N, C-alpha and C. Protein backbone atom coordinates (compact mmCIF):
# COMPACT_ATOMS: atom_id res chain seq x y z
N MET A 1 0.84 -1.17 0.00
CA MET A 1 0.00 0.00 0.00
C MET A 1 0.88 1.24 0.00
N LYS A 2 0.31 2.37 -0.41
CA LYS A 2 1.05 3.62 -0.44
C LYS A 2 0.33 4.66 0.40
N ILE A 3 1.14 5.47 1.11
CA ILE A 3 0.62 6.63 1.83
C ILE A 3 1.48 7.83 1.49
N VAL A 4 0.96 9.02 1.80
CA VAL A 4 1.76 10.23 1.71
C VAL A 4 2.24 10.54 3.11
N PHE A 5 3.53 10.75 3.25
CA PHE A 5 4.16 11.04 4.54
C PHE A 5 4.67 12.47 4.49
N LYS A 6 4.18 13.32 5.40
CA LYS A 6 4.56 14.73 5.44
C LYS A 6 5.24 15.05 6.77
N LEU A 7 6.35 15.77 6.67
CA LEU A 7 7.07 16.24 7.85
C LEU A 7 7.26 17.74 7.71
N PHE A 8 7.04 18.46 8.81
CA PHE A 8 7.10 19.91 8.77
C PHE A 8 8.16 20.47 9.70
N ALA A 9 8.53 21.73 9.43
CA ALA A 9 9.51 22.48 10.21
C ALA A 9 10.83 21.70 10.29
N THR A 10 11.40 21.56 11.47
CA THR A 10 12.71 20.91 11.61
C THR A 10 12.68 19.44 11.25
N LEU A 11 11.51 18.82 11.23
CA LEU A 11 11.43 17.39 10.87
C LEU A 11 11.67 17.15 9.38
N GLN A 12 11.59 18.19 8.57
CA GLN A 12 11.83 18.03 7.13
C GLN A 12 13.21 17.44 6.85
N ASP A 13 14.14 17.64 7.75
CA ASP A 13 15.49 17.12 7.55
C ASP A 13 15.51 15.59 7.48
N PHE A 14 14.48 14.93 7.96
CA PHE A 14 14.41 13.47 7.92
C PHE A 14 13.90 12.95 6.57
N LEU A 15 13.38 13.84 5.74
CA LEU A 15 12.91 13.44 4.41
C LEU A 15 14.07 13.36 3.43
N PRO A 16 13.91 12.58 2.37
CA PRO A 16 14.93 12.60 1.31
C PRO A 16 15.05 14.02 0.74
N ALA A 17 16.23 14.40 0.29
CA ALA A 17 16.48 15.76 -0.18
C ALA A 17 15.46 16.22 -1.21
N GLU A 18 15.08 15.36 -2.13
CA GLU A 18 14.16 15.76 -3.20
C GLU A 18 12.73 16.00 -2.70
N ALA A 19 12.41 15.56 -1.50
CA ALA A 19 11.06 15.72 -0.94
C ALA A 19 10.95 16.93 -0.01
N ARG A 20 12.06 17.55 0.32
CA ARG A 20 12.03 18.62 1.32
C ARG A 20 11.32 19.88 0.83
N ARG A 21 11.32 20.13 -0.45
CA ARG A 21 10.66 21.33 -0.97
C ARG A 21 9.15 21.26 -0.77
N THR A 22 8.58 20.08 -0.91
CA THR A 22 7.14 19.91 -0.77
C THR A 22 6.75 19.39 0.61
N SER A 23 7.72 19.02 1.43
CA SER A 23 7.51 18.46 2.78
C SER A 23 6.81 17.11 2.74
N ALA A 24 6.78 16.46 1.59
CA ALA A 24 6.01 15.22 1.47
C ALA A 24 6.72 14.21 0.57
N VAL A 25 6.46 12.93 0.89
CA VAL A 25 6.98 11.84 0.09
C VAL A 25 5.93 10.73 0.10
N THR A 26 5.76 10.09 -1.04
CA THR A 26 4.87 8.93 -1.09
C THR A 26 5.72 7.71 -0.79
N ILE A 27 5.25 6.89 0.18
CA ILE A 27 6.02 5.72 0.58
C ILE A 27 5.17 4.46 0.48
N GLU A 28 5.85 3.37 0.23
CA GLU A 28 5.23 2.05 0.14
C GLU A 28 5.38 1.37 1.50
N LEU A 29 4.27 0.84 2.02
CA LEU A 29 4.27 0.20 3.34
C LEU A 29 3.59 -1.15 3.30
N ALA A 30 3.93 -2.01 4.25
CA ALA A 30 3.22 -3.28 4.41
C ALA A 30 1.83 -2.98 4.94
N GLU A 31 0.91 -3.88 4.69
CA GLU A 31 -0.49 -3.68 5.06
C GLU A 31 -0.74 -3.44 6.54
N ASP A 32 0.08 -3.95 7.43
CA ASP A 32 -0.18 -3.83 8.86
C ASP A 32 0.69 -2.77 9.54
N THR A 33 1.20 -1.82 8.78
CA THR A 33 2.10 -0.80 9.31
C THR A 33 1.36 0.18 10.21
N LYS A 34 1.94 0.42 11.37
CA LYS A 34 1.37 1.36 12.34
C LYS A 34 2.13 2.69 12.27
N ILE A 35 1.53 3.73 12.82
CA ILE A 35 2.15 5.06 12.81
C ILE A 35 3.55 5.01 13.40
N ILE A 36 3.71 4.36 14.53
CA ILE A 36 5.02 4.32 15.19
C ILE A 36 6.07 3.64 14.30
N ASN A 37 5.67 2.68 13.48
CA ASN A 37 6.60 2.02 12.57
C ASN A 37 7.20 3.01 11.57
N VAL A 38 6.39 3.92 11.07
CA VAL A 38 6.87 4.92 10.12
C VAL A 38 7.80 5.90 10.84
N ILE A 39 7.38 6.37 12.01
CA ILE A 39 8.20 7.31 12.78
C ILE A 39 9.58 6.70 13.05
N GLU A 40 9.60 5.48 13.53
CA GLU A 40 10.88 4.83 13.86
C GLU A 40 11.71 4.52 12.62
N SER A 41 11.07 4.16 11.52
CA SER A 41 11.83 3.83 10.31
C SER A 41 12.56 5.04 9.74
N TYR A 42 12.09 6.25 10.06
CA TYR A 42 12.76 7.46 9.62
C TYR A 42 13.73 8.00 10.67
N GLY A 43 13.87 7.28 11.79
CA GLY A 43 14.82 7.68 12.82
C GLY A 43 14.40 8.89 13.62
N ILE A 44 13.11 9.13 13.70
CA ILE A 44 12.60 10.29 14.43
C ILE A 44 12.26 9.88 15.86
N ALA A 45 12.76 10.62 16.83
CA ALA A 45 12.46 10.33 18.24
C ALA A 45 10.99 10.70 18.53
N ARG A 46 10.35 9.88 19.35
CA ARG A 46 8.94 10.15 19.72
C ARG A 46 8.77 11.57 20.26
N ALA A 47 9.74 12.02 21.06
CA ALA A 47 9.66 13.34 21.67
C ALA A 47 9.64 14.47 20.64
N MET A 48 10.10 14.18 19.43
CA MET A 48 10.12 15.18 18.37
C MET A 48 8.79 15.24 17.61
N CYS A 49 7.88 14.35 17.91
CA CYS A 49 6.58 14.31 17.24
C CYS A 49 5.52 14.89 18.16
N HIS A 50 5.19 16.14 17.93
CA HIS A 50 4.24 16.82 18.81
C HIS A 50 2.80 16.69 18.31
N LEU A 51 2.61 16.91 17.03
CA LEU A 51 1.28 16.87 16.44
C LEU A 51 1.29 15.85 15.31
N VAL A 52 0.48 14.80 15.45
CA VAL A 52 0.40 13.74 14.45
C VAL A 52 -1.03 13.68 13.94
N LEU A 53 -1.17 13.82 12.62
CA LEU A 53 -2.48 13.78 11.98
C LEU A 53 -2.51 12.70 10.91
N VAL A 54 -3.65 12.02 10.78
CA VAL A 54 -3.88 11.11 9.67
C VAL A 54 -5.12 11.65 8.95
N ASP A 55 -4.93 12.04 7.71
CA ASP A 55 -5.99 12.66 6.91
C ASP A 55 -6.66 13.81 7.65
N GLY A 56 -5.85 14.59 8.37
CA GLY A 56 -6.34 15.78 9.06
C GLY A 56 -6.93 15.54 10.44
N PHE A 57 -6.95 14.30 10.90
CA PHE A 57 -7.49 13.98 12.22
C PHE A 57 -6.34 13.71 13.20
N TYR A 58 -6.40 14.37 14.36
CA TYR A 58 -5.38 14.22 15.39
C TYR A 58 -5.35 12.80 15.92
N ILE A 59 -4.14 12.25 16.04
CA ILE A 59 -3.94 10.92 16.63
C ILE A 59 -3.10 11.11 17.89
N PRO A 60 -3.66 10.85 19.07
CA PRO A 60 -2.90 11.03 20.31
C PRO A 60 -1.77 10.01 20.42
N PRO A 61 -0.69 10.37 21.14
CA PRO A 61 0.46 9.47 21.27
C PRO A 61 0.11 8.07 21.74
N ALA A 62 -0.89 7.92 22.57
CA ALA A 62 -1.28 6.60 23.08
C ALA A 62 -1.76 5.66 21.96
N GLN A 63 -2.12 6.23 20.80
CA GLN A 63 -2.61 5.41 19.68
C GLN A 63 -1.57 5.15 18.60
N TRP A 64 -0.39 5.75 18.71
CA TRP A 64 0.63 5.58 17.68
C TRP A 64 1.06 4.12 17.53
N ASP A 65 1.06 3.38 18.62
CA ASP A 65 1.48 1.98 18.59
C ASP A 65 0.41 1.03 18.06
N SER A 66 -0.83 1.50 17.97
CA SER A 66 -1.91 0.61 17.55
C SER A 66 -2.62 1.05 16.27
N ARG A 67 -2.53 2.33 15.91
CA ARG A 67 -3.25 2.83 14.72
C ARG A 67 -2.58 2.33 13.46
N VAL A 68 -3.29 1.47 12.72
CA VAL A 68 -2.78 0.93 11.47
C VAL A 68 -3.12 1.90 10.34
N LEU A 69 -2.14 2.18 9.51
CA LEU A 69 -2.34 3.06 8.36
C LEU A 69 -3.00 2.29 7.22
N ARG A 70 -3.78 3.03 6.41
CA ARG A 70 -4.48 2.40 5.29
C ARG A 70 -4.05 3.04 3.97
N ASP A 71 -4.17 2.29 2.92
CA ASP A 71 -3.79 2.74 1.59
C ASP A 71 -4.44 4.09 1.27
N GLY A 72 -3.62 5.02 0.79
CA GLY A 72 -4.12 6.31 0.35
C GLY A 72 -4.19 7.38 1.43
N GLU A 73 -3.90 7.02 2.68
CA GLU A 73 -3.96 8.01 3.76
C GLU A 73 -2.74 8.93 3.71
N THR A 74 -2.87 10.04 4.42
CA THR A 74 -1.76 10.98 4.57
C THR A 74 -1.42 11.08 6.05
N LEU A 75 -0.17 10.79 6.38
CA LEU A 75 0.36 10.91 7.73
C LEU A 75 1.21 12.18 7.78
N ALA A 76 0.82 13.13 8.64
CA ALA A 76 1.53 14.40 8.75
C ALA A 76 1.98 14.60 10.19
N ILE A 77 3.23 15.06 10.36
CA ILE A 77 3.80 15.23 11.70
C ILE A 77 4.50 16.58 11.81
N TRP A 78 4.23 17.26 12.95
CA TRP A 78 4.87 18.52 13.29
C TRP A 78 5.66 18.34 14.57
N PRO A 79 6.81 19.02 14.69
CA PRO A 79 7.58 18.95 15.93
C PRO A 79 7.01 19.92 16.97
N PRO A 80 7.51 19.85 18.20
CA PRO A 80 7.11 20.85 19.20
C PRO A 80 7.58 22.23 18.71
N VAL A 81 6.81 23.24 19.03
CA VAL A 81 7.19 24.59 18.61
C VAL A 81 7.24 25.48 19.84
N ALA A 82 8.17 26.42 19.81
CA ALA A 82 8.29 27.38 20.90
C ALA A 82 8.39 28.77 20.32
N GLY A 83 8.00 29.71 21.06
CA GLY A 83 8.10 31.08 20.57
C GLY A 83 7.33 32.01 21.49
N GLY A 84 7.28 33.21 21.10
CA GLY A 84 6.55 34.12 21.96
C GLY A 84 6.63 35.50 21.57
């Protein structure tokens, strides 16, 4: 199956160079792939994933280990942000 994987702000550095301009890459996954599997396969620490959305719906951290991704979905992740 294929999904669109989007990383924003400082997390864009984990994407392949050619995907950084659009912040997105289409990836091929096994049918039973969970959100945490994608995060870990890109070498991203859990603490760096502040906002995780699947097709625009917030997925709380407690569900990252159990939420199975489906063909055609979009997984988008933002890091923690600070400012003021």
